[in-house]
PDB file of N, CA and C in Angstrom:
ATOM      1  N   MET A   1     -22.493 -11.655  -3.348  1.00  0.00           N
ATOM      2  CA  MET A   1     -22.700 -10.462  -4.141  1.00  0.00           C
ATOM      3  C   MET A   1     -23.652  -9.549  -3.376  1.00  0.00           C
ATOM      4  N   ILE A   2     -23.345  -8.270  -3.397  1.00  0.00           N
ATOM      5  CA  ILE A   2     -24.255  -7.265  -2.851  1.00  0.00           C
ATOM      6  C   ILE A   2     -25.050  -6.717  -4.036  1.00  0.00           C
ATOM      7  N   PHE A   3     -26.370  -6.823  -3.948  1.00  0.00           N
ATOM      8  CA  PHE A   3     -27.244  -6.344  -5.011  1.00  0.00           C
ATOM      9  C   PHE A   3     -28.062  -5.183  -4.471  1.00  0.00           C
ATOM     10  N   ILE A   4     -28.076  -4.087  -5.207  1.00  0.00           N
ATOM     11  CA  ILE A   4     -28.771  -2.874  -4.779  1.00  0.00           C
ATOM     12  C   ILE A   4     -29.637  -2.378  -5.926  1.00  0.00           C
ATOM     13  N   THR A   5     -30.836  -1.978  -5.589  1.00  0.00           N
ATOM     14  CA  THR A   5     -31.675  -1.280  -6.550  1.00  0.00           C
ATOM     15  C   THR A   5     -32.205  -0.030  -5.869  1.00  0.00           C
ATOM     16  N   ALA A   6     -32.252   1.053  -6.609  1.00  0.00           N
ATOM     17  CA  ALA A   6     -32.710   2.319  -6.040  1.00  0.00           C
ATOM     18  C   ALA A   6     -33.527   3.069  -7.083  1.00  0.00           C
ATOM     19  N   LYS A   7     -34.597   3.697  -6.614  1.00  0.00           N
ATOM     20  CA  LYS A   7     -35.439   4.526  -7.485  1.00  0.00           C
ATOM     21  C   LYS A   7     -35.109   5.986  -7.191  1.00  0.00           C
ATOM     22  N   PHE A   8     -34.654   6.697  -8.220  1.00  0.00           N
ATOM     23  CA  PHE A   8     -34.256   8.088  -8.098  1.00  0.00           C
ATOM     24  C   PHE A   8     -35.334   8.983  -8.710  1.00  0.00           C
ATOM     25  N   PRO A   9     -36.098   9.701  -7.879  1.00  0.00           N
ATOM     26  CA  PRO A   9     -37.097  10.628  -8.390  1.00  0.00           C
ATOM     27  C   PRO A   9     -36.440  11.962  -8.760  1.00  0.00           C
ATOM     28  N   VAL A  10     -36.188  12.142 -10.031  1.00  0.00           N
ATOM     29  CA  VAL A  10     -35.482  13.322 -10.530  1.00  0.00           C
ATOM     30  C   VAL A  10     -36.486  14.454 -10.742  1.00  0.00           C
ATOM     31  N   LYS A  11     -36.071  15.669 -10.397  1.00  0.00           N
ATOM     32  CA  LYS A  11     -36.932  16.832 -10.651  1.00  0.00           C
ATOM     33  C   LYS A  11     -37.244  16.882 -12.145  1.00  0.00           C
ATOM     34  N   PRO A  12     -38.489  17.181 -12.500  1.00  0.00           N
ATOM     35  CA  PRO A  12     -38.886  17.163 -13.914  1.00  0.00           C
ATOM     36  C   PRO A  12     -37.970  17.972 -14.832  1.00  0.00           C
ATOM     37  N   GLU A  13     -37.496  19.099 -14.364  1.00  0.00           N
ATOM     38  CA  GLU A  13     -36.654  19.944 -15.222  1.00  0.00           C
ATOM     39  C   GLU A  13     -35.264  19.345 -15.484  1.00  0.00           C
ATOM     40  N   HIS A  14     -34.900  18.281 -14.742  1.00  0.00           N
ATOM     41  CA  HIS A  14     -33.594  17.635 -14.927  1.00  0.00           C
ATOM     42  C   HIS A  14     -33.699  16.211 -15.455  1.00  0.00           C
ATOM     43  N   ALA A  15     -34.926  15.707 -15.625  1.00  0.00           N
ATOM     44  CA  ALA A  15     -35.120  14.299 -15.971  1.00  0.00           C
ATOM     45  C   ALA A  15     -34.455  13.920 -17.296  1.00  0.00           C
ATOM     46  N   ASP A  16     -34.607  14.717 -18.322  1.00  0.00           N
ATOM     47  CA  ASP A  16     -34.003  14.370 -19.610  1.00  0.00           C
ATOM     48  C   ASP A  16     -32.480  14.428 -19.568  1.00  0.00           C
ATOM     49  N   ALA A  17     -31.935  15.251 -18.701  1.00  0.00           N
ATOM     50  CA  ALA A  17     -30.482  15.412 -18.603  1.00  0.00           C
ATOM     51  C   ALA A  17     -29.832  14.442 -17.611  1.00  0.00           C
ATOM     52  N   TRP A  18     -30.632  13.649 -16.893  1.00  0.00           N
ATOM     53  CA  TRP A  18     -30.077  12.782 -15.844  1.00  0.00           C
ATOM     54  C   TRP A  18     -28.948  11.869 -16.340  1.00  0.00           C
ATOM     55  N   PRO A  19     -29.052  11.234 -17.504  1.00  0.00           N
ATOM     56  CA  PRO A  19     -27.929  10.393 -17.949  1.00  0.00           C
ATOM     57  C   PRO A  19     -26.602  11.156 -18.011  1.00  0.00           C
ATOM     58  N   GLU A  20     -26.648  12.395 -18.459  1.00  0.00           N
ATOM     59  CA  GLU A  20     -25.423  13.201 -18.515  1.00  0.00           C
ATOM     60  C   GLU A  20     -25.015  13.676 -17.116  1.00  0.00           C
ATOM     61  N   ILE A  21     -25.984  14.060 -16.306  1.00  0.00           N
ATOM     62  CA  ILE A  21     -25.708  14.521 -14.940  1.00  0.00           C
ATOM     63  C   ILE A  21     -25.003  13.429 -14.138  1.00  0.00           C
ATOM     64  N   SER A  22     -25.421  12.196 -14.311  1.00  0.00           N
ATOM     65  CA  SER A  22     -24.877  11.078 -13.517  1.00  0.00           C
ATOM     66  C   SER A  22     -23.742  10.330 -14.233  1.00  0.00           C
ATOM     67  N   ARG A  23     -23.360  10.795 -15.416  1.00  0.00           N
ATOM     68  CA  ARG A  23     -22.368  10.075 -16.230  1.00  0.00           C
ATOM     69  C   ARG A  23     -21.025   9.843 -15.526  1.00  0.00           C
ATOM     70  N   ASP A  24     -20.439  10.855 -14.948  1.00  0.00           N
ATOM     71  CA  ASP A  24     -19.127  10.707 -14.311  1.00  0.00           C
ATOM     72  C   ASP A  24     -19.192   9.678 -13.182  1.00  0.00           C
ATOM     73  N   PHE A  25     -20.205   9.798 -12.343  1.00  0.00           N
ATOM     74  CA  PHE A  25     -20.398   8.858 -11.239  1.00  0.00           C
ATOM     75  C   PHE A  25     -20.576   7.434 -11.772  1.00  0.00           C
ATOM     76  N   THR A  26     -21.374   7.294 -12.797  1.00  0.00           N
ATOM     77  CA  THR A  26     -21.639   5.977 -13.383  1.00  0.00           C
ATOM     78  C   THR A  26     -20.373   5.368 -13.968  1.00  0.00           C
ATOM     79  N   GLU A  27     -19.646   6.131 -14.749  1.00  0.00           N
ATOM     80  CA  GLU A  27     -18.428   5.617 -15.383  1.00  0.00           C
ATOM     81  C   GLU A  27     -17.374   5.238 -14.352  1.00  0.00           C
ATOM     82  N   LYS A  28     -17.185   6.076 -13.347  1.00  0.00           N
ATOM     83  CA  LYS A  28     -16.171   5.782 -12.332  1.00  0.00           C
ATOM     84  C   LYS A  28     -16.577   4.594 -11.477  1.00  0.00           C
ATOM     85  N   THR A  29     -17.865   4.453 -11.196  1.00  0.00           N
ATOM     86  CA  THR A  29     -18.309   3.297 -10.418  1.00  0.00           C
ATOM     87  C   THR A  29     -18.129   2.022 -11.228  1.00  0.00           C
ATOM     88  N   ASN A  30     -18.509   2.032 -12.489  1.00  0.00           N
ATOM     89  CA  ASN A  30     -18.327   0.850 -13.330  1.00  0.00           C
ATOM     90  C   ASN A  30     -16.860   0.463 -13.489  1.00  0.00           C
ATOM     91  N   ALA A  31     -15.952   1.403 -13.313  1.00  0.00           N
ATOM     92  CA  ALA A  31     -14.521   1.120 -13.424  1.00  0.00           C
ATOM     93  C   ALA A  31     -13.927   0.536 -12.145  1.00  0.00           C
ATOM     94  N   GLU A  32     -14.689   0.537 -11.058  1.00  0.00           N
ATOM     95  CA  GLU A  32     -14.182  -0.030  -9.803  1.00  0.00           C
ATOM     96  C   GLU A  32     -13.947  -1.530  -9.966  1.00  0.00           C
ATOM     97  N   GLU A  33     -12.867  -2.020  -9.386  1.00  0.00           N
ATOM     98  CA  GLU A  33     -12.509  -3.428  -9.506  1.00  0.00           C
ATOM     99  C   GLU A  33     -13.627  -4.363  -9.025  1.00  0.00           C
ATOM    100  N   GLY A  34     -14.285  -4.031  -7.928  1.00  0.00           N
ATOM    101  CA  GLY A  34     -15.296  -4.916  -7.363  1.00  0.00           C
ATOM    102  C   GLY A  34     -16.708  -4.680  -7.843  1.00  0.00           C
ATOM    103  N   CYS A  35     -16.895  -3.733  -8.774  1.00  0.00           N
ATOM    104  CA  CYS A  35     -18.232  -3.450  -9.309  1.00  0.00           C
ATOM    105  C   CYS A  35     -18.556  -4.461 -10.402  1.00  0.00           C
ATOM    106  N   LEU A  36     -19.655  -5.172 -10.229  1.00  0.00           N
ATOM    107  CA  LEU A  36     -20.096  -6.120 -11.250  1.00  0.00           C
ATOM    108  C   LEU A  36     -20.939  -5.425 -12.311  1.00  0.00           C
ATOM    109  N   PHE A  37     -21.772  -4.484 -11.896  1.00  0.00           N
ATOM    110  CA  PHE A  37     -22.512  -3.635 -12.816  1.00  0.00           C
ATOM    111  C   PHE A  37     -23.138  -2.480 -12.057  1.00  0.00           C
ATOM    112  N   PHE A  38     -23.375  -1.397 -12.775  1.00  0.00           N
ATOM    113  CA  PHE A  38     -23.967  -0.168 -12.242  1.00  0.00           C
ATOM    114  C   PHE A  38     -24.703   0.452 -13.418  1.00  0.00           C
ATOM    115  N   GLU A  39     -26.027   0.207 -13.506  1.00  0.00           N
ATOM    116  CA  GLU A  39     -26.779   0.552 -14.706  1.00  0.00           C
ATOM    117  C   GLU A  39     -28.075   1.280 -14.374  1.00  0.00           C
ATOM    118  N   TRP A  40     -28.392   2.265 -15.190  1.00  0.00           N
ATOM    119  CA  TRP A  40     -29.606   3.065 -15.044  1.00  0.00           C
ATOM    120  C   TRP A  40     -30.640   2.663 -16.083  1.00  0.00           C
ATOM    121  N   SER A  41     -31.917   2.729 -15.684  1.00  0.00           N
ATOM    122  CA  SER A  41     -33.049   2.604 -16.597  1.00  0.00           C
ATOM    123  C   SER A  41     -34.045   3.690 -16.235  1.00  0.00           C
ATOM    124  N   ARG A  42     -34.770   4.130 -17.229  1.00  0.00           N
ATOM    125  CA  ARG A  42     -35.805   5.140 -16.980  1.00  0.00           C
ATOM    126  C   ARG A  42     -37.143   4.434 -16.819  1.00  0.00           C
ATOM    127  N   SER A  43     -37.890   4.818 -15.829  1.00  0.00           N
ATOM    128  CA  SER A  43     -39.179   4.203 -15.557  1.00  0.00           C
ATOM    129  C   SER A  43     -40.162   4.441 -16.699  1.00  0.00           C
ATOM    130  N   LEU A  44     -40.886   3.410 -17.064  1.00  0.00           N
ATOM    131  CA  LEU A  44     -41.949   3.561 -18.061  1.00  0.00           C
ATOM    132  C   LEU A  44     -43.197   4.177 -17.432  1.00  0.00           C
ATOM    133  N   ALA A  45     -43.358   3.977 -16.124  1.00  0.00           N
ATOM    134  CA  ALA A  45     -44.531   4.502 -15.420  1.00  0.00           C
ATOM    135  C   ALA A  45     -44.391   5.987 -15.095  1.00  0.00           C
ATOM    136  N   ASP A  46     -43.159   6.429 -14.851  1.00  0.00           N
ATOM    137  CA  ASP A  46     -42.912   7.824 -14.478  1.00  0.00           C
ATOM    138  C   ASP A  46     -41.603   8.276 -15.111  1.00  0.00           C
ATOM    139  N   PRO A  47     -41.645   9.059 -16.167  1.00  0.00           N
ATOM    140  CA  PRO A  47     -40.420   9.449 -16.865  1.00  0.00           C
ATOM    141  C   PRO A  47     -39.474  10.332 -16.044  1.00  0.00           C
ATOM    142  N   ASN A  48     -39.899  10.759 -14.867  1.00  0.00           N
ATOM    143  CA  ASN A  48     -39.017  11.522 -13.979  1.00  0.00           C
ATOM    144  C   ASN A  48     -38.290  10.621 -12.988  1.00  0.00           C
ATOM    145  N   THR A  49     -38.523   9.319 -13.078  1.00  0.00           N
ATOM    146  CA  THR A  49     -37.879   8.372 -12.166  1.00  0.00           C
ATOM    147  C   THR A  49     -36.896   7.503 -12.931  1.00  0.00           C
ATOM    148  N   TYR A  50     -35.697   7.387 -12.377  1.00  0.00           N
ATOM    149  CA  TYR A  50     -34.679   6.492 -12.916  1.00  0.00           C
ATOM    150  C   TYR A  50     -34.450   5.388 -11.895  1.00  0.00           C
ATOM    151  N   VAL A  51     -34.260   4.186 -12.398  1.00  0.00           N
ATOM    152  CA  VAL A  51     -34.017   3.034 -11.544  1.00  0.00           C
ATOM    153  C   VAL A  51     -32.569   2.607 -11.748  1.00  0.00           C
ATOM    154  N   LEU A  52     -31.857   2.499 -10.657  1.00  0.00           N
ATOM    155  CA  LEU A  52     -30.461   2.091 -10.681  1.00  0.00           C
ATOM    156  C   LEU A  52     -30.371   0.667 -10.163  1.00  0.00           C
ATOM    157  N   ILE A  53     -29.703  -0.199 -10.921  1.00  0.00           N
ATOM    158  CA  ILE A  53     -29.369  -1.518 -10.394  1.00  0.00           C
ATOM    159  C   ILE A  53     -27.849  -1.596 -10.354  1.00  0.00           C
ATOM    160  N   GLU A  54     -27.369  -2.086  -9.242  1.00  0.00           N
ATOM    161  CA  GLU A  54     -25.925  -2.173  -9.072  1.00  0.00           C
ATOM    162  C   GLU A  54     -25.584  -3.419  -8.280  1.00  0.00           C
ATOM    163  N   ALA A  55     -24.404  -3.944  -8.524  1.00  0.00           N
ATOM    164  CA  ALA A  55     -23.942  -5.116  -7.790  1.00  0.00           C
ATOM    165  C   ALA A  55     -22.438  -4.996  -7.579  1.00  0.00           C
ATOM    166  N   PHE A  56     -22.029  -5.438  -6.401  1.00  0.00           N
ATOM    167  CA  PHE A  56     -20.616  -5.443  -6.038  1.00  0.00           C
ATOM    168  C   PHE A  56     -20.235  -6.850  -5.609  1.00  0.00           C
ATOM    169  N   ARG A  57     -19.025  -7.224  -5.894  1.00  0.00           N
ATOM    170  CA  ARG A  57     -18.526  -8.576  -5.655  1.00  0.00           C
ATOM    171  C   ARG A  57     -18.769  -9.050  -4.225  1.00  0.00           C
ATOM    172  N   ASP A  58     -18.483  -8.178  -3.234  1.00  0.00           N
ATOM    173  CA  ASP A  58     -18.586  -8.584  -1.835  1.00  0.00           C
ATOM    174  C   ASP A  58     -18.593  -7.335  -0.947  1.00  0.00           C
ATOM    175  N   ASP A  59     -18.604  -7.541   0.380  1.00  0.00           N
ATOM    176  CA  ASP A  59     -18.624  -6.416   1.322  1.00  0.00           C
ATOM    177  C   ASP A  59     -17.428  -5.490   1.137  1.00  0.00           C
ATOM    178  N   GLU A  60     -16.283  -6.071   0.856  1.00  0.00           N
ATOM    179  CA  GLU A  60     -15.076  -5.255   0.667  1.00  0.00           C
ATOM    180  C   GLU A  60     -15.245  -4.312  -0.528  1.00  0.00           C
ATOM    181  N   ALA A  61     -15.777  -4.831  -1.626  1.00  0.00           N
ATOM    182  CA  ALA A  61     -15.986  -4.009  -2.819  1.00  0.00           C
ATOM    183  C   ALA A  61     -17.043  -2.939  -2.555  1.00  0.00           C
ATOM    184  N   GLY A  62     -18.104  -3.298  -1.840  1.00  0.00           N
ATOM    185  CA  GLY A  62     -19.132  -2.312  -1.500  1.00  0.00           C
ATOM    186  C   GLY A  62     -18.576  -1.217  -0.607  1.00  0.00           C
ATOM    187  N   GLY A  63     -17.727  -1.599   0.342  1.00  0.00           N
ATOM    188  CA  GLY A  63     -17.093  -0.623   1.227  1.00  0.00           C
ATOM    189  C   GLY A  63     -16.169   0.310   0.470  1.00  0.00           C
ATOM    190  N   ALA A  64     -15.416  -0.240  -0.464  1.00  0.00           N
ATOM    191  CA  ALA A  64     -14.522   0.594  -1.275  1.00  0.00           C
ATOM    192  C   ALA A  64     -15.337   1.596  -2.095  1.00  0.00           C
ATOM    193  N   HIS A  65     -16.493   1.158  -2.569  1.00  0.00           N
ATOM    194  CA  HIS A  65     -17.351   2.048  -3.359  1.00  0.00           C
ATOM    195  C   HIS A  65     -17.802   3.247  -2.536  1.00  0.00           C
ATOM    196  N   VAL A  66     -18.337   3.005  -1.345  1.00  0.00           N
ATOM    197  CA  VAL A  66     -18.863   4.120  -0.551  1.00  0.00           C
ATOM    198  C   VAL A  66     -17.760   5.002   0.037  1.00  0.00           C
ATOM    199  N   GLN A  67     -16.531   4.533   0.013  1.00  0.00           N
ATOM    200  CA  GLN A  67     -15.401   5.346   0.481  1.00  0.00           C
ATOM    201  C   GLN A  67     -14.719   6.100  -0.662  1.00  0.00           C
ATOM    202  N   SER A  68     -15.127   5.833  -1.894  1.00  0.00           N
ATOM    203  CA  SER A  68     -14.469   6.449  -3.053  1.00  0.00           C
ATOM    204  C   SER A  68     -14.791   7.946  -3.135  1.00  0.00           C
ATOM    205  N   GLU A  69     -13.899   8.679  -3.760  1.00  0.00           N
ATOM    206  CA  GLU A  69     -14.112  10.115  -3.949  1.00  0.00           C
ATOM    207  C   GLU A  69     -15.327  10.387  -4.836  1.00  0.00           C
ATOM    208  N   HIS A  70     -15.526   9.584  -5.869  1.00  0.00           N
ATOM    209  CA  HIS A  70     -16.666   9.829  -6.762  1.00  0.00           C
ATOM    210  C   HIS A  70     -17.995   9.555  -6.053  1.00  0.00           C
ATOM    211  N   PHE A  71     -18.032   8.608  -5.122  1.00  0.00           N
ATOM    212  CA  PHE A  71     -19.260   8.376  -4.336  1.00  0.00           C
ATOM    213  C   PHE A  71     -19.525   9.577  -3.434  1.00  0.00           C
ATOM    214  N   LYS A  72     -18.496  10.037  -2.756  1.00  0.00           N
ATOM    215  CA  LYS A  72     -18.653  11.191  -1.861  1.00  0.00           C
ATOM    216  C   LYS A  72     -19.093  12.435  -2.637  1.00  0.00           C
ATOM    217  N   ARG A  73     -18.521  12.632  -3.816  1.00  0.00           N
ATOM    218  CA  ARG A  73     -18.897  13.774  -4.650  1.00  0.00           C
ATOM    219  C   ARG A  73     -20.352  13.637  -5.120  1.00  0.00           C
ATOM    220  N   ALA A  74     -20.735  12.433  -5.528  1.00  0.00           N
ATOM    221  CA  ALA A  74     -22.107  12.208  -6.003  1.00  0.00           C
ATOM    222  C   ALA A  74     -23.122  12.440  -4.888  1.00  0.00           C
ATOM    223  N   THR A  75     -22.829  11.967  -3.682  1.00  0.00           N
ATOM    224  CA  THR A  75     -23.786  12.153  -2.584  1.00  0.00           C
ATOM    225  C   THR A  75     -23.874  13.612  -2.155  1.00  0.00           C
ATOM    226  N   ALA A  76     -22.880  14.397  -2.500  1.00  0.00           N
ATOM    227  CA  ALA A  76     -22.926  15.832  -2.199  1.00  0.00           C
ATOM    228  C   ALA A  76     -23.627  16.618  -3.306  1.00  0.00           C
ATOM    229  N   GLU A  77     -23.441  16.197  -4.570  1.00  0.00           N
ATOM    230  CA  GLU A  77     -23.929  16.982  -5.707  1.00  0.00           C
ATOM    231  C   GLU A  77     -25.272  16.520  -6.279  1.00  0.00           C
ATOM    232  N   LEU A  78     -25.492  15.226  -6.370  1.00  0.00           N
ATOM    233  CA  LEU A  78     -26.688  14.727  -7.062  1.00  0.00           C
ATOM    234  C   LEU A  78     -28.013  15.059  -6.377  1.00  0.00           C
ATOM    235  N   PRO A  79     -28.085  15.147  -5.048  1.00  0.00           N
ATOM    236  CA  PRO A  79     -29.381  15.470  -4.427  1.00  0.00           C
ATOM    237  C   PRO A  79     -30.012  16.774  -4.918  1.00  0.00           C
ATOM    238  N   THR A  80     -29.219  17.692  -5.414  1.00  0.00           N
ATOM    239  CA  THR A  80     -29.738  18.947  -5.944  1.00  0.00           C
ATOM    240  C   THR A  80     -30.728  18.718  -7.086  1.00  0.00           C
ATOM    241  N   TYR A  81     -30.551  17.620  -7.807  1.00  0.00           N
ATOM    242  CA  TYR A  81     -31.364  17.314  -8.984  1.00  0.00           C
ATOM    243  C   TYR A  81     -32.565  16.423  -8.666  1.00  0.00           C
ATOM    244  N   LEU A  82     -32.685  16.000  -7.404  1.00  0.00           N
ATOM    245  CA  LEU A  82     -33.723  15.046  -7.029  1.00  0.00           C
ATOM    246  C   LEU A  82     -34.926  15.706  -6.378  1.00  0.00           C
ATOM    247  N   ALA A  83     -36.088  15.114  -6.603  1.00  0.00           N
ATOM    248  CA  ALA A  83     -37.323  15.605  -5.994  1.00  0.00           C
ATOM    249  C   ALA A  83     -37.426  15.176  -4.528  1.00  0.00           C
ATOM    250  N   ARG A  84     -36.798  14.044  -4.195  1.00  0.00           N
ATOM    251  CA  ARG A  84     -36.777  13.544  -2.817  1.00  0.00           C
ATOM    252  C   ARG A  84     -35.686  12.487  -2.706  1.00  0.00           C
ATOM    253  N   THR A  85     -35.486  11.990  -1.512  1.00  0.00           N
ATOM    254  CA  THR A  85     -34.481  10.956  -1.269  1.00  0.00           C
ATOM    255  C   THR A  85     -34.850   9.674  -2.012  1.00  0.00           C
ATOM    256  N   PRO A  86     -33.888   9.036  -2.678  1.00  0.00           N
ATOM    257  CA  PRO A  86     -34.173   7.789  -3.387  1.00  0.00           C
ATOM    258  C   PRO A  86     -34.607   6.664  -2.447  1.00  0.00           C
ATOM    259  N   ASP A  87     -35.458   5.769  -2.962  1.00  0.00           N
ATOM    260  CA  ASP A  87     -35.832   4.544  -2.264  1.00  0.00           C
ATOM    261  C   ASP A  87     -34.816   3.485  -2.659  1.00  0.00           C
ATOM    262  N   ILE A  88     -34.389   2.664  -1.680  1.00  0.00           N
ATOM    263  CA  ILE A  88     -33.321   1.709  -1.952  1.00  0.00           C
ATOM    264  C   ILE A  88     -33.610   0.354  -1.311  1.00  0.00           C
ATOM    265  N   VAL A  89     -33.181  -0.700  -2.009  1.00  0.00           N
ATOM    266  CA  VAL A  89     -33.188  -2.058  -1.478  1.00  0.00           C
ATOM    267  C   VAL A  89     -31.763  -2.568  -1.625  1.00  0.00           C
ATOM    268  N   ASN A  90     -31.234  -3.128  -0.562  1.00  0.00           N
ATOM    269  CA  ASN A  90     -29.856  -3.605  -0.521  1.00  0.00           C
ATOM    270  C   ASN A  90     -29.871  -4.997   0.081  1.00  0.00           C
ATOM    271  N   VAL A  91     -29.444  -6.013  -0.681  1.00  0.00           N
ATOM    272  CA  VAL A  91     -29.432  -7.391  -0.184  1.00  0.00           C
ATOM    273  C   VAL A  91     -28.154  -8.097  -0.611  1.00  0.00           C
ATOM    274  N   LYS A  92     -27.819  -9.151   0.116  1.00  0.00           N
ATOM    275  CA  LYS A  92     -26.728 -10.033  -0.279  1.00  0.00           C
ATOM    276  C   LYS A  92     -27.354 -11.273  -0.902  1.00  0.00           C
ATOM    277  N   VAL A  93     -26.836 -11.658  -2.042  1.00  0.00           N
ATOM    278  CA  VAL A  93     -27.349 -12.825  -2.756  1.00  0.00           C
ATOM    279  C   VAL A  93     -26.182 -13.654  -3.290  1.00  0.00           C
ATOM    280  N   ASP A  94     -26.492 -14.897  -3.661  1.00  0.00           N
ATOM    281  CA  ASP A  94     -25.468 -15.769  -4.226  1.00  0.00           C
ATOM    282  C   ASP A  94     -25.135 -15.419  -5.669  1.00  0.00           C
ATOM    283  N   GLY A  95     -25.999 -14.700  -6.324  1.00  0.00           N
ATOM    284  CA  GLY A  95     -25.756 -14.325  -7.710  1.00  0.00           C
ATOM    285  C   GLY A  95     -27.013 -14.476  -8.530  1.00  0.00           C
ATOM    286  N   TRP A  96     -26.870 -14.420  -9.837  1.00  0.00           N
ATOM    287  CA  TRP A  96     -28.001 -14.514 -10.747  1.00  0.00           C
ATOM    288  C   TRP A  96     -28.443 -15.959 -10.897  1.00  0.00           C
ATOM    289  N   SER A  97     -29.725 -16.146 -11.177  1.00  0.00           N
ATOM    290  CA  SER A  97     -30.249 -17.450 -11.553  1.00  0.00           C
ATOM    291  C   SER A  97     -31.112 -17.256 -12.792  1.00  0.00           C
ATOM    292  N   LYS A  98     -31.392 -18.335 -13.482  1.00  0.00           N
ATOM    293  CA  LYS A  98     -32.200 -18.256 -14.707  1.00  0.00           C
ATOM    294  C   LYS A  98     -33.672 -18.093 -14.351  1.00  0.00           C
ATOM    295  N   LEU A  99     -34.398 -17.354 -15.152  1.00  0.00           N
ATOM    296  CA  LEU A  99     -35.833 -17.190 -14.997  1.00  0.00           C
ATOM    297  C   LEU A  99     -36.488 -18.330 -15.762  1.00  0.00           C
ATOM    298  N   GLY A 100     -36.849 -19.383 -15.041  1.00  0.00           N
ATOM    299  CA  GLY A 100     -37.350 -20.604 -15.658  1.00  0.00           C
ATOM    300  C   GLY A 100     -38.553 -20.403 -16.547  1.00  0.00           C
ATOM    301  N   GLU A 101     -39.428 -19.470 -16.195  1.00  0.00           N
ATOM    302  CA  GLU A 101     -40.640 -19.235 -16.979  1.00  0.00           C
ATOM    303  C   GLU A 101     -40.320 -18.732 -18.390  1.00  0.00           C
ATOM    304  N   LEU A 102     -39.160 -18.109 -18.555  1.00  0.00           N
ATOM    305  CA  LEU A 102     -38.767 -17.566 -19.857  1.00  0.00           C
ATOM    306  C   LEU A 102     -37.484 -18.207 -20.357  1.00  0.00           C
ATOM    307  N   ALA A 103     -37.331 -19.503 -20.062  1.00  0.00           N
ATOM    308  CA  ALA A 103     -36.123 -20.212 -20.458  1.00  0.00           C
ATOM    309  C   ALA A 103     -35.968 -20.207 -21.979  1.00  0.00           C
ATOM    310  N   VAL A 104     -34.748 -20.017 -22.418  1.00  0.00           N
ATOM    311  CA  VAL A 104     -34.422 -20.041 -23.843  1.00  0.00           C
ATOM    312  C   VAL A 104     -33.931 -21.432 -24.184  1.00  0.00           C
ATOM    313  N   GLU A 105     -34.495 -22.006 -25.223  1.00  0.00           N
ATOM    314  CA  GLU A 105     -34.112 -23.357 -25.627  1.00  0.00           C
ATOM    315  C   GLU A 105     -32.621 -23.424 -25.940  1.00  0.00           C
ATOM    316  N   GLY A 106     -31.971 -24.448 -25.454  1.00  0.00           N
ATOM    317  CA  GLY A 106     -30.551 -24.644 -25.713  1.00  0.00           C
ATOM    318  C   GLY A 106     -29.651 -24.114 -24.604  1.00  0.00           C
ATOM    319  N   GLU A 107     -30.206 -23.454 -23.611  1.00  0.00           N
ATOM    320  CA  GLU A 107     -29.368 -22.963 -22.497  1.00  0.00           C
ATOM    321  C   GLU A 107     -29.368 -23.934 -21.357  1.00  0.00           C
TER     322      GLU A 107
END
């Protein structure tokens, strides 16, 4: 699995509208066959920052994502709304594991 997290510093005047601004890109990415998830959260520390977590099945799925028309359109259009280039971490992992410290009884 390819796991990616990115912090998007949105210009203050666009921060409240970011979910709508990024909606088409988000919906089309989530519809990709190899996309496991593509989800946004708003930072509690900075309301102008959105954190994106995304995962793709494998290198092939990740490659298909960056070659898609909606990815190309997003990389051309979304920077207009950003205060600076997003920070990103991209790693390959075996998948999710349980957080032992917060284990739920019966799992």
